N, C-alpha and C. Protein backbone atom coordinates (compact mmCIF):
# COMPACT_ATOMS: atom_id res chain seq x y z
N MET A 1 104.11 48.35 124.35
CA MET A 1 104.80 49.01 123.27
C MET A 1 105.70 50.09 123.86
N SER A 2 106.98 50.00 123.59
CA SER A 2 107.92 50.96 124.16
C SER A 2 108.30 52.00 123.11
N VAL A 3 108.68 53.18 123.58
CA VAL A 3 109.09 54.28 122.71
C VAL A 3 110.59 54.21 122.53
N PRO A 4 111.07 54.28 121.28
CA PRO A 4 112.52 54.25 121.08
C PRO A 4 113.19 55.41 121.83
N PRO A 5 114.39 55.21 122.34
CA PRO A 5 115.05 56.23 123.16
C PRO A 5 115.29 57.56 122.43
N ASP A 6 115.48 57.52 121.14
CA ASP A 6 115.77 58.76 120.42
C ASP A 6 114.50 59.48 119.96
N GLU A 7 113.34 58.87 120.12
CA GLU A 7 112.09 59.45 119.63
C GLU A 7 111.76 60.81 120.27
N PRO A 8 111.78 60.98 121.58
CA PRO A 8 111.48 62.29 122.17
C PRO A 8 112.44 63.40 121.69
N ALA A 9 113.70 63.07 121.58
CA ALA A 9 114.68 64.07 121.13
C ALA A 9 114.42 64.47 119.68
N ARG A 10 114.08 63.49 118.85
CA ARG A 10 113.79 63.78 117.45
C ARG A 10 112.55 64.65 117.34
N LEU A 11 111.53 64.33 118.10
CA LEU A 11 110.31 65.13 118.08
C LEU A 11 110.57 66.56 118.54
N GLU A 12 111.38 66.72 119.56
CA GLU A 12 111.72 68.07 120.05
C GLU A 12 112.46 68.86 118.97
N ARG A 13 113.37 68.21 118.25
CA ARG A 13 114.09 68.89 117.17
C ARG A 13 113.13 69.32 116.06
N GLU A 14 112.21 68.43 115.69
CA GLU A 14 111.23 68.75 114.65
C GLU A 14 110.34 69.92 115.08
N ILE A 15 109.89 69.88 116.32
CA ILE A 15 109.05 70.97 116.83
C ILE A 15 109.82 72.28 116.83
N SER A 16 111.07 72.23 117.24
CA SER A 16 111.90 73.43 117.26
C SER A 16 112.10 74.00 115.85
N LEU A 17 112.33 73.12 114.88
CA LEU A 17 112.49 73.58 113.49
C LEU A 17 111.20 74.21 112.97
N HIS A 18 110.06 73.60 113.29
CA HIS A 18 108.78 74.15 112.87
C HIS A 18 108.53 75.52 113.52
N GLN A 19 108.89 75.66 114.79
CA GLN A 19 108.73 76.93 115.48
C GLN A 19 109.59 78.01 114.83
N GLN A 20 110.82 77.67 114.50
CA GLN A 20 111.71 78.63 113.85
C GLN A 20 111.16 79.05 112.49
N HIS A 21 110.65 78.08 111.74
CA HIS A 21 110.08 78.37 110.43
C HIS A 21 108.86 79.29 110.56
N LEU A 22 108.00 78.98 111.52
CA LEU A 22 106.82 79.82 111.74
C LEU A 22 107.21 81.23 112.18
N ALA A 23 108.20 81.33 113.05
CA ALA A 23 108.64 82.64 113.51
C ALA A 23 109.19 83.47 112.34
N ALA A 24 109.95 82.84 111.47
CA ALA A 24 110.49 83.55 110.31
C ALA A 24 109.37 83.98 109.38
N THR A 25 108.36 83.13 109.21
CA THR A 25 107.22 83.47 108.35
C THR A 25 106.44 84.64 108.92
N VAL A 26 106.20 84.63 110.22
CA VAL A 26 105.48 85.73 110.87
C VAL A 26 106.27 87.03 110.74
N ASP A 27 107.58 86.98 110.95
CA ASP A 27 108.41 88.17 110.80
C ASP A 27 108.34 88.72 109.38
N GLU A 28 108.39 87.84 108.40
CA GLU A 28 108.31 88.27 107.00
C GLU A 28 106.97 88.92 106.69
N LEU A 29 105.89 88.31 107.17
CA LEU A 29 104.56 88.88 106.95
C LEU A 29 104.41 90.23 107.65
N ALA A 30 104.94 90.35 108.84
CA ALA A 30 104.86 91.63 109.57
C ALA A 30 105.63 92.71 108.82
N ALA A 31 106.76 92.37 108.25
CA ALA A 31 107.55 93.34 107.49
C ALA A 31 106.81 93.77 106.23
N ARG A 32 106.09 92.86 105.62
CA ARG A 32 105.36 93.18 104.38
C ARG A 32 104.21 94.14 104.62
N VAL A 33 103.56 94.05 105.77
CA VAL A 33 102.40 94.89 106.02
C VAL A 33 102.69 96.08 106.93
N ALA A 34 103.95 96.31 107.21
CA ALA A 34 104.32 97.48 108.01
C ALA A 34 103.97 98.75 107.23
N PRO A 35 103.45 99.75 107.91
CA PRO A 35 103.05 100.99 107.22
C PRO A 35 104.18 101.61 106.38
N LYS A 36 105.38 101.59 106.90
CA LYS A 36 106.51 102.17 106.16
C LYS A 36 106.76 101.40 104.87
N ALA A 37 106.70 100.08 104.94
CA ALA A 37 106.92 99.25 103.74
C ALA A 37 105.81 99.48 102.73
N LEU A 38 104.57 99.56 103.20
CA LEU A 38 103.45 99.80 102.29
C LEU A 38 103.57 101.17 101.63
N ALA A 39 104.00 102.17 102.40
CA ALA A 39 104.17 103.51 101.83
C ALA A 39 105.26 103.50 100.76
N GLN A 40 106.36 102.81 101.04
CA GLN A 40 107.45 102.74 100.06
C GLN A 40 106.98 102.03 98.78
N GLN A 41 106.19 100.99 98.93
CA GLN A 41 105.66 100.29 97.76
C GLN A 41 104.75 101.21 96.95
N GLY A 42 103.93 102.00 97.65
CA GLY A 42 103.04 102.93 96.97
C GLY A 42 103.80 104.00 96.21
N VAL A 43 104.85 104.52 96.82
CA VAL A 43 105.68 105.53 96.15
C VAL A 43 106.36 104.93 94.94
N ALA A 44 106.92 103.76 95.08
CA ALA A 44 107.60 103.11 93.95
C ALA A 44 106.62 102.84 92.82
N SER A 45 105.42 102.42 93.16
CA SER A 45 104.41 102.15 92.14
C SER A 45 104.00 103.43 91.42
N ALA A 46 103.81 104.50 92.17
CA ALA A 46 103.43 105.78 91.56
C ALA A 46 104.54 106.30 90.66
N GLN A 47 105.79 106.15 91.10
CA GLN A 47 106.91 106.60 90.27
C GLN A 47 106.98 105.79 88.98
N ALA A 48 106.76 104.51 89.07
CA ALA A 48 106.80 103.66 87.87
C ALA A 48 105.70 104.05 86.89
N ARG A 49 104.49 104.30 87.42
CA ARG A 49 103.39 104.72 86.54
C ARG A 49 103.67 106.07 85.90
N ALA A 50 104.24 106.99 86.67
CA ALA A 50 104.57 108.31 86.12
C ALA A 50 105.61 108.20 85.01
N LYS A 51 106.60 107.35 85.21
CA LYS A 51 107.62 107.16 84.18
C LYS A 51 107.01 106.56 82.92
N GLU A 52 106.09 105.61 83.10
CA GLU A 52 105.43 105.01 81.94
C GLU A 52 104.64 106.04 81.15
N LEU A 53 104.05 106.99 81.85
CA LEU A 53 103.26 108.02 81.17
C LEU A 53 104.14 109.02 80.42
N VAL A 54 105.32 109.31 80.96
CA VAL A 54 106.16 110.38 80.42
C VAL A 54 107.23 109.85 79.47
N LEU A 55 107.68 108.63 79.67
CA LEU A 55 108.77 108.08 78.86
C LEU A 55 108.27 106.93 78.00
N ASP A 56 108.82 106.82 76.78
CA ASP A 56 108.48 105.66 75.95
C ASP A 56 109.42 104.51 76.28
N SER A 57 109.31 103.42 75.55
CA SER A 57 110.10 102.23 75.86
C SER A 57 111.60 102.43 75.67
N ASP A 58 111.98 103.42 74.85
CA ASP A 58 113.40 103.72 74.65
C ASP A 58 113.96 104.68 75.69
N GLY A 59 113.09 105.22 76.53
CA GLY A 59 113.52 106.17 77.55
C GLY A 59 113.44 107.62 77.08
N ALA A 60 112.91 107.83 75.88
CA ALA A 60 112.77 109.19 75.35
C ALA A 60 111.49 109.81 75.90
N VAL A 61 111.52 111.12 76.08
CA VAL A 61 110.38 111.84 76.62
C VAL A 61 109.24 111.87 75.60
N ARG A 62 108.04 111.62 76.05
CA ARG A 62 106.85 111.70 75.20
C ARG A 62 106.34 113.14 75.24
N VAL A 63 106.78 113.92 74.28
CA VAL A 63 106.48 115.35 74.25
C VAL A 63 104.98 115.60 74.19
N GLU A 64 104.26 114.80 73.41
CA GLU A 64 102.82 115.02 73.28
C GLU A 64 102.10 114.86 74.61
N ARG A 65 102.53 113.94 75.42
CA ARG A 65 101.89 113.74 76.73
C ARG A 65 102.26 114.87 77.68
N LEU A 66 103.51 115.29 77.65
CA LEU A 66 103.90 116.41 78.51
C LEU A 66 103.15 117.68 78.10
N ALA A 67 102.97 117.88 76.82
CA ALA A 67 102.23 119.05 76.35
C ALA A 67 100.78 118.98 76.80
N ALA A 68 100.19 117.81 76.77
CA ALA A 68 98.80 117.65 77.21
C ALA A 68 98.68 117.95 78.70
N VAL A 69 99.60 117.44 79.49
CA VAL A 69 99.58 117.70 80.93
C VAL A 69 99.80 119.18 81.20
N GLY A 70 100.75 119.78 80.51
CA GLY A 70 101.00 121.21 80.66
C GLY A 70 99.78 122.03 80.30
N GLY A 71 99.11 121.66 79.23
CA GLY A 71 97.90 122.36 78.83
C GLY A 71 96.80 122.24 79.88
N ALA A 72 96.67 121.07 80.44
CA ALA A 72 95.67 120.86 81.48
C ALA A 72 95.98 121.70 82.72
N VAL A 73 97.25 121.78 83.09
CA VAL A 73 97.65 122.60 84.24
C VAL A 73 97.34 124.06 83.97
N VAL A 74 97.67 124.55 82.78
CA VAL A 74 97.39 125.95 82.43
C VAL A 74 95.89 126.20 82.46
N ALA A 75 95.09 125.27 81.97
CA ALA A 75 93.63 125.43 81.97
C ALA A 75 93.09 125.51 83.40
N VAL A 76 93.56 124.65 84.27
CA VAL A 76 93.10 124.65 85.66
C VAL A 76 93.50 125.94 86.37
N VAL A 77 94.75 126.37 86.17
CA VAL A 77 95.21 127.63 86.78
C VAL A 77 94.39 128.79 86.24
N GLY A 78 94.13 128.79 84.95
CA GLY A 78 93.31 129.85 84.36
C GLY A 78 91.91 129.85 84.92
N LEU A 79 91.33 128.70 85.10
CA LEU A 79 89.99 128.59 85.66
C LEU A 79 89.93 129.17 87.07
N PHE A 80 90.88 128.76 87.91
CA PHE A 80 90.90 129.26 89.27
C PHE A 80 91.19 130.76 89.32
N THR A 81 92.05 131.23 88.45
CA THR A 81 92.34 132.67 88.39
C THR A 81 91.09 133.44 87.97
N GLY A 82 90.40 132.94 86.97
CA GLY A 82 89.17 133.58 86.52
C GLY A 82 88.11 133.60 87.61
N LEU A 83 87.97 132.53 88.32
CA LEU A 83 87.00 132.49 89.42
C LEU A 83 87.39 133.46 90.53
N ALA A 84 88.67 133.54 90.84
CA ALA A 84 89.13 134.46 91.89
C ALA A 84 88.88 135.91 91.48
N VAL A 85 89.14 136.25 90.24
CA VAL A 85 88.92 137.62 89.76
C VAL A 85 87.43 137.93 89.77
N ARG A 86 86.63 136.99 89.40
CA ARG A 86 85.18 137.19 89.35
C ARG A 86 84.61 137.42 90.74
N ARG A 87 85.13 136.74 91.73
CA ARG A 87 84.65 136.91 93.12
C ARG A 87 84.99 138.29 93.66
N ARG A 88 86.11 138.83 93.25
CA ARG A 88 86.53 140.15 93.74
C ARG A 88 85.66 141.26 93.20
N HIS A 89 85.07 141.07 92.04
CA HIS A 89 84.27 142.14 91.43
C HIS A 89 82.84 141.99 91.71
């Protein structure tokens, strides 16, 4: 049984194409898990969640939520201030 003359060349081309495809896939995966890319994804996700909390679907500010957050901040600052004053006396 003889091998057709073009068979080795065809196989080499196929192997080369598969290697290129694998190399591109590895590069893409490496870029996805790079620390900088993951950090950027985390920041973008946090920004999106913050916007959802503060803005409604029309893009208007949700005053009641901002007031609740502001009240919580004032309460925490007051608590820490009270504790600091109490420690001094």
